[in-house]
């Protein structure tokens, strides 16, 4: 066991203990007095990883879109039975989810934590696939894909991404397509698991009323018995993404009120601390421009154009995007107003008092974050992989100034934006 430096925040009186055990990064967040105990294994492997070069062969492999999500579905099936029932049998509640960059497996429990942790390790690192079960799963996932395609909000988001990005796999649905999942085989699942589900590509995070040293020792004993492979993951292959974007999109679906979304592709990509600062800055800008206390929202609400605006910004080393979305009786007008407001802010700036007020609010939310150990874990794993941690994130918030925030405006370039609308219009696609 190679222990990592203990991370502390003296103001919050919180700390995270860590170690590297057989290659896997292990973190413990002690939460004195918490009855529930939590564990999550995150594998740095998601729907974007459809092309890679295994370290042992040096030859590029291409796999069907959606296979990471397919693999997650199958990991709970073992030769001895179904793992969800096994978790329930020892009083634990388990779940899993796949994103563009990570696949995570987790459980909550009040009791039998060592047994549940051992079971989680088996779920993640001891695969069992059969031809019959893979074929059966194709029908289940195809139904899931159709369900999301029939949901206007999901369709709006997927259409926005597929028009913003012309080559990058983030433009593809995490679950793949009905056609792509038909190409999944038992052998491909084992290939992806062997390459990505290894110690150097995974993290284990635990939170609860734990003694950190004892909990790290517990994890070390379970990991030693798990058969976890410590070798390095493959090299990920990404296509070169053009600077420009696709066309605006209009989709016809039966909705009571049209939905619109403006999306921006950020070509000014960062890594490490600069990437996190940019993510904080652009998120704050969106809040200042379109939040419920903004003058824009007041005007849109008074004119009957929107009762609520949603917005977000997401940054990774190889892509970034922002969006603003709403239901609106006049989506074309509201979308143009959003773009005009950004142009106005580029000229006029934002109110410094509003910035300081929002900064204090975000610091307050950061403090309350530690009431939700699962969210802390998701932050910590992602931040650690880019050279930061959940406490340095708090330091970035405290030190942030208005000039840094305003520098994020270049991520909201009208020339790199698309507008997607879902409505009852008969037109299906706009060129």
Protein backbone atom coordinates (compact mmCIF):
# COMPACT_ATOMS: atom_id res chain seq x y z
CA UNK A 1 0.00 0.00 0.00
CA UNK A 2 1.36 3.40 -1.02
CA UNK A 3 -0.34 6.00 1.18
CA UNK A 4 -1.12 9.38 -0.33
CA UNK A 5 -0.87 12.67 1.54
CA UNK A 6 -3.98 13.29 3.63
CA UNK A 7 -6.09 16.09 2.16
CA UNK A 8 -7.53 18.57 4.68
CA UNK A 9 -9.62 21.70 4.80
CA UNK A 10 -9.10 23.38 8.15
CA UNK A 11 -12.08 25.71 7.65
CA UNK A 12 -14.50 22.86 6.94
CA UNK A 13 -12.85 20.43 9.41
CA UNK A 14 -13.02 17.75 6.71
CA UNK A 15 -10.30 15.43 5.44
CA UNK A 16 -9.81 12.72 2.87
CA UNK A 17 -7.30 9.90 3.36
CA UNK A 18 -5.87 8.10 0.36
CA UNK A 19 -3.64 5.30 -0.83
CA UNK A 20 -2.68 3.51 -4.02
CA UNK A 21 -3.30 -0.21 -3.62
CA UNK A 22 -2.30 -2.53 -6.49
CA UNK A 23 -2.61 0.44 -8.81
CA UNK A 24 -6.11 1.53 -7.78
CA UNK A 25 -6.54 4.93 -6.10
CA UNK A 26 -8.43 4.55 -2.82
CA UNK A 27 -10.01 7.45 -0.89
CA UNK A 28 -11.73 7.51 2.52
CA UNK A 29 -13.90 10.41 3.73
CA UNK A 30 -14.54 9.96 7.50
CA UNK A 31 -18.03 11.23 8.46
CA UNK A 32 -18.38 10.90 12.20
CA UNK A 33 -21.97 10.25 13.26
CA UNK A 34 -23.19 9.24 9.77
CA UNK A 35 -25.15 6.01 9.97
CA UNK A 36 -25.08 5.17 6.27
CA UNK A 37 -21.89 4.00 4.60
CA UNK A 38 -21.09 4.56 0.96
CA UNK A 39 -18.65 3.09 -1.56
CA UNK A 40 -18.15 3.78 -5.25
CA UNK A 41 -15.75 2.35 -7.80
CA UNK A 42 -15.20 4.64 -10.79
CA UNK A 43 -13.55 3.29 -13.92
CA UNK A 44 -12.12 5.92 -16.26
CA UNK A 45 -13.95 4.45 -19.24
CA UNK A 46 -17.06 5.79 -20.91
CA UNK A 47 -19.01 6.17 -24.10
CA UNK A 48 -16.30 8.32 -25.72
CA UNK A 49 -13.81 5.43 -25.67
CA UNK A 50 -14.78 3.71 -28.91
CA UNK A 51 -11.29 3.67 -30.41
CA UNK A 52 -8.15 2.71 -28.51
CA UNK A 53 -4.75 1.05 -28.77
CA UNK A 54 -4.14 -1.78 -26.25
CA UNK A 55 -0.75 -1.43 -24.60
CA UNK A 56 0.12 -5.05 -25.35
CA UNK A 57 -0.59 -5.08 -29.12
CA UNK A 58 -0.04 -1.50 -30.32
CA UNK A 59 -2.81 -1.90 -32.89
CA UNK A 60 -5.91 0.29 -32.93
CA UNK A 61 -9.22 -1.30 -31.96
CA UNK A 62 -12.62 0.14 -32.89
CA UNK A 63 -15.71 -0.95 -30.95
CA UNK A 64 -19.41 -0.17 -31.44
CA UNK A 65 -20.83 3.02 -29.87
CA UNK A 66 -22.70 2.21 -26.67
CA UNK A 67 -20.49 -0.70 -25.63
CA UNK A 68 -19.34 0.95 -22.36
CA UNK A 69 -22.99 1.30 -21.28
CA UNK A 70 -23.70 -2.25 -22.45
CA UNK A 71 -20.77 -3.52 -20.38
CA UNK A 72 -22.06 -1.74 -17.27
CA UNK A 73 -25.44 -3.47 -17.69
CA UNK A 74 -23.80 -6.90 -17.83
CA UNK A 75 -21.41 -6.53 -14.88
CA UNK A 76 -24.09 -7.36 -12.31
CA UNK A 77 -24.70 -10.77 -13.90
CA UNK A 78 -22.50 -13.52 -12.45
CA UNK A 79 -22.27 -17.27 -12.87
CA UNK A 80 -23.85 -17.66 -9.40
CA UNK A 81 -26.75 -15.27 -10.09
CA UNK A 82 -27.73 -11.61 -10.16
CA UNK A 83 -25.69 -9.21 -7.99
CA UNK A 84 -28.45 -6.67 -7.26
CA UNK A 85 -30.27 -9.36 -5.30
CA UNK A 86 -27.06 -10.29 -3.51
CA UNK A 87 -26.59 -6.69 -2.37
CA UNK A 88 -30.19 -6.54 -1.15
CA UNK A 89 -29.65 -9.80 0.73
CA UNK A 90 -26.98 -8.17 2.93
CA UNK A 91 -28.91 -4.92 3.39
CA UNK A 92 -27.18 -2.82 0.74
CA UNK A 93 -28.66 -0.80 -2.14
CA UNK A 94 -26.53 -0.86 -5.30
CA UNK A 95 -26.57 1.08 -8.55
CA UNK A 96 -24.37 1.93 -11.55
CA UNK A 97 -24.24 4.51 -14.32
CA UNK A 98 -22.24 5.24 -17.46
CA UNK A 99 -21.17 8.68 -18.65
CA UNK A 100 -19.06 9.94 -21.51
CA UNK A 101 -15.82 9.47 -19.57
CA UNK A 102 -16.49 7.28 -16.52
CA UNK A 103 -18.47 4.22 -15.50
CA UNK A 104 -19.33 4.03 -11.80
CA UNK A 105 -20.61 1.27 -9.51
CA UNK A 106 -21.83 2.09 -6.00
CA UNK A 107 -23.76 1.03 -2.93
CA UNK A 108 -25.21 2.49 0.27
CA UNK A 109 -25.61 0.40 3.40
CA UNK A 110 -26.22 0.60 7.15
CA UNK A 111 -24.62 -2.76 7.86
CA UNK A 112 -22.33 -5.45 6.47
CA UNK A 113 -20.02 -2.91 4.81
CA UNK A 114 -17.05 -5.32 4.40
CA UNK A 115 -19.28 -7.92 2.73
CA UNK A 116 -20.84 -5.30 0.45
CA UNK A 117 -17.41 -3.92 -0.50
CA UNK A 118 -16.15 -7.39 -1.37
CA UNK A 119 -19.22 -7.94 -3.50
CA UNK A 120 -18.71 -4.59 -5.26
CA UNK A 121 -15.14 -5.55 -6.13
CA UNK A 122 -16.37 -8.83 -7.57
CA UNK A 123 -19.08 -7.07 -9.60
CA UNK A 124 -16.60 -4.65 -11.18
CA UNK A 125 -13.51 -6.78 -11.70
CA UNK A 126 -14.80 -10.35 -12.24
CA UNK A 127 -16.86 -10.36 -15.45
CA UNK A 128 -19.09 -13.21 -16.58
CA UNK A 129 -20.63 -12.99 -20.05
CA UNK A 130 -22.44 -15.58 -22.16
CA UNK A 131 -23.63 -15.41 -25.74
CA UNK A 132 -27.21 -15.92 -24.62
CA UNK A 133 -27.18 -13.15 -22.01
CA UNK A 134 -25.57 -10.69 -24.45
CA UNK A 135 -28.27 -11.34 -27.05
CA UNK A 136 -31.00 -10.88 -24.44
CA UNK A 137 -29.48 -7.59 -23.28
CA UNK A 138 -29.62 -6.16 -26.80
CA UNK A 139 -33.40 -6.14 -26.67
CA UNK A 140 -33.44 -4.49 -23.24
CA UNK A 141 -31.05 -1.71 -24.26
CA UNK A 142 -32.81 -1.15 -27.58
CA UNK A 143 -36.00 -0.52 -25.63
CA UNK A 144 -34.12 1.94 -23.40
CA UNK A 145 -32.77 3.78 -26.46
CA UNK A 146 -36.27 4.10 -27.93
CA UNK A 147 -37.61 5.36 -24.60
CA UNK A 148 -35.07 8.19 -24.43
CA UNK A 149 -35.63 9.06 -28.08
CA UNK A 150 -39.32 9.51 -27.27
CA UNK A 151 -38.58 11.94 -24.42
CA UNK A 152 -38.52 15.52 -25.77
CA UNK A 153 -35.89 16.76 -23.30
CA UNK A 154 -33.49 13.91 -24.02
CA UNK A 155 -34.02 14.28 -27.74
CA UNK A 156 -33.34 18.03 -27.54
CA UNK A 157 -30.03 17.48 -25.75
CA UNK A 158 -28.84 14.71 -28.08
CA UNK A 159 -29.72 16.77 -31.17
CA UNK A 160 -27.80 19.75 -29.78
CA UNK A 161 -24.65 17.71 -29.14
CA UNK A 162 -24.79 15.90 -32.48
CA UNK A 163 -24.92 19.25 -34.27
CA UNK A 164 -22.29 20.99 -32.11
CA UNK A 165 -19.71 18.24 -32.56
CA UNK A 166 -18.99 16.90 -36.04
CA UNK A 167 -16.42 14.19 -35.22
CA UNK A 168 -15.92 13.83 -31.46
CA UNK A 169 -17.76 10.81 -29.96
CA UNK A 170 -19.49 13.03 -27.37
CA UNK A 171 -21.94 13.71 -30.19
CA UNK A 172 -23.15 10.09 -29.90
CA UNK A 173 -25.73 8.84 -27.44
CA UNK A 174 -24.17 7.17 -24.39
CA UNK A 175 -26.32 4.07 -24.98
CA UNK A 176 -25.40 3.90 -28.67
CA UNK A 177 -27.96 3.20 -31.37
CA UNK A 178 -30.21 0.22 -32.02
CA UNK A 179 -27.89 -0.62 -34.90
CA UNK A 180 -24.59 -0.23 -33.03
CA UNK A 181 -25.55 -2.40 -30.06
CA UNK A 182 -26.39 -5.26 -32.42
CA UNK A 183 -22.64 -5.44 -33.12
CA UNK A 184 -21.76 -6.10 -29.47
CA UNK A 185 -20.45 -9.60 -28.73
CA UNK A 186 -19.26 -11.46 -25.67
CA UNK A 187 -15.71 -11.28 -27.01
CA UNK A 188 -15.84 -7.48 -27.45
CA UNK A 189 -17.14 -7.06 -23.90
CA UNK A 190 -14.25 -9.09 -22.52
CA UNK A 191 -11.82 -7.10 -24.68
CA UNK A 192 -13.06 -3.75 -23.32
CA UNK A 193 -13.14 -5.04 -19.76
CA UNK A 194 -9.61 -6.43 -19.96
CA UNK A 195 -8.23 -3.17 -21.29
CA UNK A 196 -10.06 -0.57 -19.22
CA UNK A 197 -11.10 -2.29 -15.96
CA UNK A 198 -7.62 -2.30 -14.45
CA UNK A 199 -6.14 -0.82 -11.30
CA UNK A 200 -4.39 2.14 -12.91
CA UNK A 201 -7.67 3.16 -14.54
CA UNK A 202 -9.93 2.97 -11.48
CA UNK A 203 -10.66 4.65 -8.15
CA UNK A 204 -12.38 3.40 -5.00
CA UNK A 205 -14.03 6.01 -2.77
CA UNK A 206 -15.59 5.24 0.63
CA UNK A 207 -17.43 7.53 3.04
CA UNK A 208 -18.95 6.92 6.47
CA UNK A 209 -18.20 6.76 10.17
CA UNK A 210 -14.87 5.05 9.52
CA UNK A 211 -11.43 4.87 11.03
CA UNK A 212 -9.42 5.78 7.89
CA UNK A 213 -6.47 3.47 8.59
CA UNK A 214 -8.67 0.46 9.31
CA UNK A 215 -10.77 1.16 6.23
CA UNK A 216 -7.73 1.39 3.96
CA UNK A 217 -6.47 -1.90 5.41
CA UNK A 218 -9.88 -3.46 4.78
CA UNK A 219 -9.81 -2.28 1.17
CA UNK A 220 -6.25 -3.59 0.75
CA UNK A 221 -7.25 -7.05 1.90
CA UNK A 222 -10.26 -7.19 -0.41
CA UNK A 223 -8.31 -5.82 -3.39
CA UNK A 224 -5.57 -8.43 -2.84
CA UNK A 225 -8.15 -11.20 -3.23
CA UNK A 226 -10.01 -9.63 -6.16
CA UNK A 227 -7.70 -10.45 -9.03
CA UNK A 228 -7.54 -6.76 -9.96
CA UNK A 229 -5.19 -6.18 -12.87
CA UNK A 230 -2.66 -3.41 -12.08
CA UNK A 231 -1.44 -2.71 -15.64
CA UNK A 232 -1.95 0.52 -17.56
CA UNK A 233 -5.05 1.25 -19.66
CA UNK A 234 -4.83 1.59 -23.44
CA UNK A 235 -4.20 4.80 -25.35
CA UNK A 236 -7.46 6.51 -26.25
CA UNK A 237 -7.95 7.63 -29.85
CA UNK A 238 -9.95 10.77 -30.64
CA UNK A 239 -10.72 12.14 -34.10
CA UNK A 240 -9.66 15.70 -34.85
CA UNK A 241 -12.69 17.88 -34.15
CA UNK A 242 -13.21 20.76 -36.63
CA UNK A 243 -13.50 24.27 -35.24
CA UNK A 244 -16.89 24.91 -36.82
CA UNK A 245 -20.31 23.50 -35.90
CA UNK A 246 -23.26 22.00 -37.73
CA UNK A 247 -26.63 23.47 -38.59
CA UNK A 248 -29.51 24.49 -36.37
CA UNK A 249 -31.98 21.68 -35.75
CA UNK A 250 -35.76 21.49 -35.54
CA UNK A 251 -37.47 18.26 -34.52
CA UNK A 252 -41.20 17.58 -34.71
CA UNK A 253 -42.61 15.87 -31.61
CA UNK A 254 -45.96 16.10 -29.83
CA UNK A 255 -45.17 18.59 -27.03
CA UNK A 256 -47.58 20.96 -25.25
CA UNK A 257 -44.99 23.78 -25.35
CA UNK A 258 -41.97 24.00 -27.65
CA UNK A 259 -38.52 23.32 -26.17
CA UNK A 260 -35.41 25.17 -27.23
CA UNK A 261 -31.72 24.86 -26.49
CA UNK A 262 -28.80 27.01 -27.54
CA UNK A 263 -25.48 25.19 -27.38
CA UNK A 264 -21.90 26.46 -27.77
CA UNK A 265 -18.80 24.46 -28.60
CA UNK A 266 -15.75 25.65 -26.67
CA UNK A 267 -12.59 25.35 -28.76
CA UNK A 268 -10.35 27.04 -26.16
CA UNK A 269 -9.63 23.81 -24.31
CA UNK A 270 -7.67 23.63 -21.06
CA UNK A 271 -6.38 20.92 -18.73
CA UNK A 272 -5.81 20.55 -15.01
CA UNK A 273 -6.37 23.60 -12.81
CA UNK A 274 -7.02 25.91 -15.77
CA UNK A 275 -9.79 23.62 -17.00
CA UNK A 276 -11.51 23.61 -13.60
CA UNK A 277 -11.21 27.40 -13.33
CA UNK A 278 -12.78 27.74 -16.75
CA UNK A 279 -15.62 25.43 -15.78
CA UNK A 280 -16.31 27.48 -12.64
CA UNK A 281 -16.05 30.77 -14.56
CA UNK A 282 -18.39 29.89 -17.42
CA UNK A 283 -20.90 28.34 -15.02
CA UNK A 284 -20.91 31.57 -13.01
CA UNK A 285 -21.32 33.65 -16.16
CA UNK A 286 -24.35 31.63 -17.19
CA UNK A 287 -25.83 32.08 -13.71
CA UNK A 288 -25.20 35.83 -13.74
CA UNK A 289 -26.71 36.25 -17.22
CA UNK A 290 -29.63 33.81 -17.08
CA UNK A 291 -30.28 32.92 -13.44
CA UNK A 292 -33.57 33.72 -11.74
CA UNK A 293 -32.21 36.96 -10.28
CA UNK A 294 -30.90 38.23 -13.64
CA UNK A 295 -32.49 41.10 -15.56
CA UNK A 296 -32.69 38.81 -18.61
CA UNK A 297 -34.84 36.27 -16.79
CA UNK A 298 -37.10 39.01 -15.44
CA UNK A 299 -37.64 40.34 -18.97
CA UNK A 300 -38.23 36.88 -20.48
CA UNK A 301 -40.70 36.02 -17.72
CA UNK A 302 -42.60 39.31 -18.01
CA UNK A 303 -42.97 38.82 -21.76
CA UNK A 304 -44.29 35.28 -21.22
CA UNK A 305 -41.33 33.67 -22.99
CA UNK A 306 -40.04 31.44 -20.17
CA UNK A 307 -40.89 30.41 -16.61
CA UNK A 308 -37.48 28.81 -16.09
CA UNK A 309 -34.11 28.76 -17.83
CA UNK A 310 -31.68 25.86 -17.48
CA UNK A 311 -27.99 26.22 -18.23
CA UNK A 312 -24.75 24.33 -17.83
CA UNK A 313 -21.13 24.17 -18.93
CA UNK A 314 -19.01 21.02 -19.13
CA UNK A 315 -15.25 20.93 -19.64
CA UNK A 316 -12.87 18.07 -20.37
CA UNK A 317 -9.34 18.13 -21.81
CA UNK A 318 -10.61 17.13 -25.26
CA UNK A 319 -13.96 18.95 -25.49
CA UNK A 320 -16.16 21.55 -23.83
CA UNK A 321 -19.67 22.86 -24.34
CA UNK A 322 -22.30 25.11 -22.77
CA UNK A 323 -26.06 25.31 -23.20
CA UNK A 324 -29.10 27.36 -22.23
CA UNK A 325 -32.50 25.69 -22.51
CA UNK A 326 -36.16 26.41 -21.75
CA UNK A 327 -39.75 25.74 -22.66
CA UNK A 328 -41.11 28.69 -24.61
CA UNK A 329 -44.12 29.55 -26.72
CA UNK A 330 -41.74 31.51 -29.00
CA UNK A 331 -38.47 29.53 -28.97
CA UNK A 332 -36.98 31.31 -32.00
CA UNK A 333 -37.35 34.71 -30.37
CA UNK A 334 -36.08 33.55 -26.99
CA UNK A 335 -33.08 31.86 -28.58
CA UNK A 336 -32.11 35.04 -30.39
CA UNK A 337 -32.54 37.03 -27.17
CA UNK A 338 -30.10 34.67 -25.43
CA UNK A 339 -27.45 35.25 -28.09
CA UNK A 340 -28.03 39.02 -28.00
CA UNK A 341 -27.68 39.06 -24.20
CA UNK A 342 -24.24 37.45 -24.43
CA UNK A 343 -23.18 40.08 -26.98
CA UNK A 344 -24.43 42.79 -24.61
CA UNK A 345 -22.50 41.36 -21.65
CA UNK A 346 -19.33 41.20 -23.74
CA UNK A 347 -19.61 44.96 -24.16
CA UNK A 348 -21.09 45.99 -20.81
CA UNK A 349 -19.67 43.37 -18.43
CA UNK A 350 -21.44 42.10 -15.33
CA UNK A 351 -22.14 43.89 -12.08
CA UNK A 352 -19.31 43.32 -9.58
CA UNK A 353 -21.79 43.29 -6.67
CA UNK A 354 -23.75 40.51 -8.38
CA UNK A 355 -20.52 38.60 -8.89
CA UNK A 356 -19.53 38.82 -5.22
CA UNK A 357 -23.03 37.79 -4.13
CA UNK A 358 -22.95 34.74 -6.41
CA UNK A 359 -19.44 33.83 -5.26
CA UNK A 360 -20.60 33.81 -1.62
CA UNK A 361 -23.59 31.66 -2.57
CA UNK A 362 -21.36 29.14 -4.36
CA UNK A 363 -19.02 28.99 -1.38
CA UNK A 364 -22.04 28.24 0.80
CA UNK A 365 -23.07 25.42 -1.52
CA UNK A 366 -19.53 24.06 -1.44
CA UNK A 367 -19.66 23.87 2.37
CA UNK A 368 -22.99 22.01 2.32
CA UNK A 369 -21.60 19.65 -0.34
CA UNK A 370 -20.02 17.61 2.45
CA UNK A 371 -23.47 16.65 3.68
CA UNK A 372 -23.67 14.53 0.51
CA UNK A 373 -20.71 12.12 0.60
CA UNK A 374 -21.60 10.54 -2.73
CA UNK A 375 -21.34 13.87 -4.55
CA UNK A 376 -18.04 14.61 -2.80
CA UNK A 377 -16.73 11.30 -4.13
CA UNK A 378 -17.69 12.07 -7.72
CA UNK A 379 -15.97 15.45 -7.45
CA UNK A 380 -12.86 13.98 -5.84
CA UNK A 381 -12.32 11.20 -8.41
CA UNK A 382 -12.66 13.50 -11.42
CA UNK A 383 -10.59 16.31 -9.88
CA UNK A 384 -7.80 13.96 -8.75
CA UNK A 385 -7.48 12.61 -12.28
CA UNK A 386 -6.71 16.13 -13.55
CA UNK A 387 -4.26 16.92 -10.74
CA UNK A 388 -6.60 18.64 -8.27
CA UNK A 389 -8.88 17.59 -5.42
CA UNK A 390 -12.18 18.57 -3.84
CA UNK A 391 -10.48 20.93 -1.36
CA UNK A 392 -8.41 22.73 -4.01
CA UNK A 393 -11.71 23.25 -5.83
CA UNK A 394 -12.90 25.17 -2.76
CA UNK A 395 -9.67 27.22 -2.79
CA UNK A 396 -10.25 28.10 -6.44
CA UNK A 397 -13.72 29.35 -5.57
CA UNK A 398 -12.39 31.51 -2.72
CA UNK A 399 -9.61 33.03 -4.85
CA UNK A 400 -11.71 33.61 -7.99
CA UNK A 401 -11.87 37.19 -9.30
CA UNK A 402 -14.17 38.89 -11.78
CA UNK A 403 -11.52 39.20 -14.50
CA UNK A 404 -11.01 35.43 -14.52
CA UNK A 405 -14.75 34.86 -14.77
CA UNK A 406 -15.13 37.36 -17.61
CA UNK A 407 -12.37 35.60 -19.56
CA UNK A 408 -14.75 32.67 -19.94
CA UNK A 409 -16.97 34.66 -22.29
CA UNK A 410 -14.93 33.47 -25.27
CA UNK A 411 -16.49 30.03 -24.79
CA UNK A 412 -19.88 31.53 -25.75
CA UNK A 413 -19.11 32.53 -29.33
CA UNK A 414 -22.17 33.05 -31.54
CA UNK A 415 -20.22 31.63 -34.49
CA UNK A 416 -19.75 28.34 -32.61
CA UNK A 417 -23.37 27.98 -31.50
CA UNK A 418 -26.34 25.94 -32.66
CA UNK A 419 -30.00 26.19 -31.75
CA UNK A 420 -32.19 23.10 -31.42
CA UNK A 421 -35.99 23.26 -31.15
CA UNK A 422 -38.50 20.53 -30.42
CA UNK A 423 -42.04 21.54 -31.35
CA UNK A 424 -45.19 20.46 -33.13
CA UNK A 425 -43.97 22.05 -36.37
CA UNK A 426 -44.22 19.86 -39.43
CA UNK A 427 -40.63 20.73 -40.41
CA UNK A 428 -38.28 18.04 -39.18
CA UNK A 429 -34.74 19.32 -39.81
CA UNK A 430 -33.37 22.73 -40.65
CA UNK A 431 -30.33 23.13 -42.85
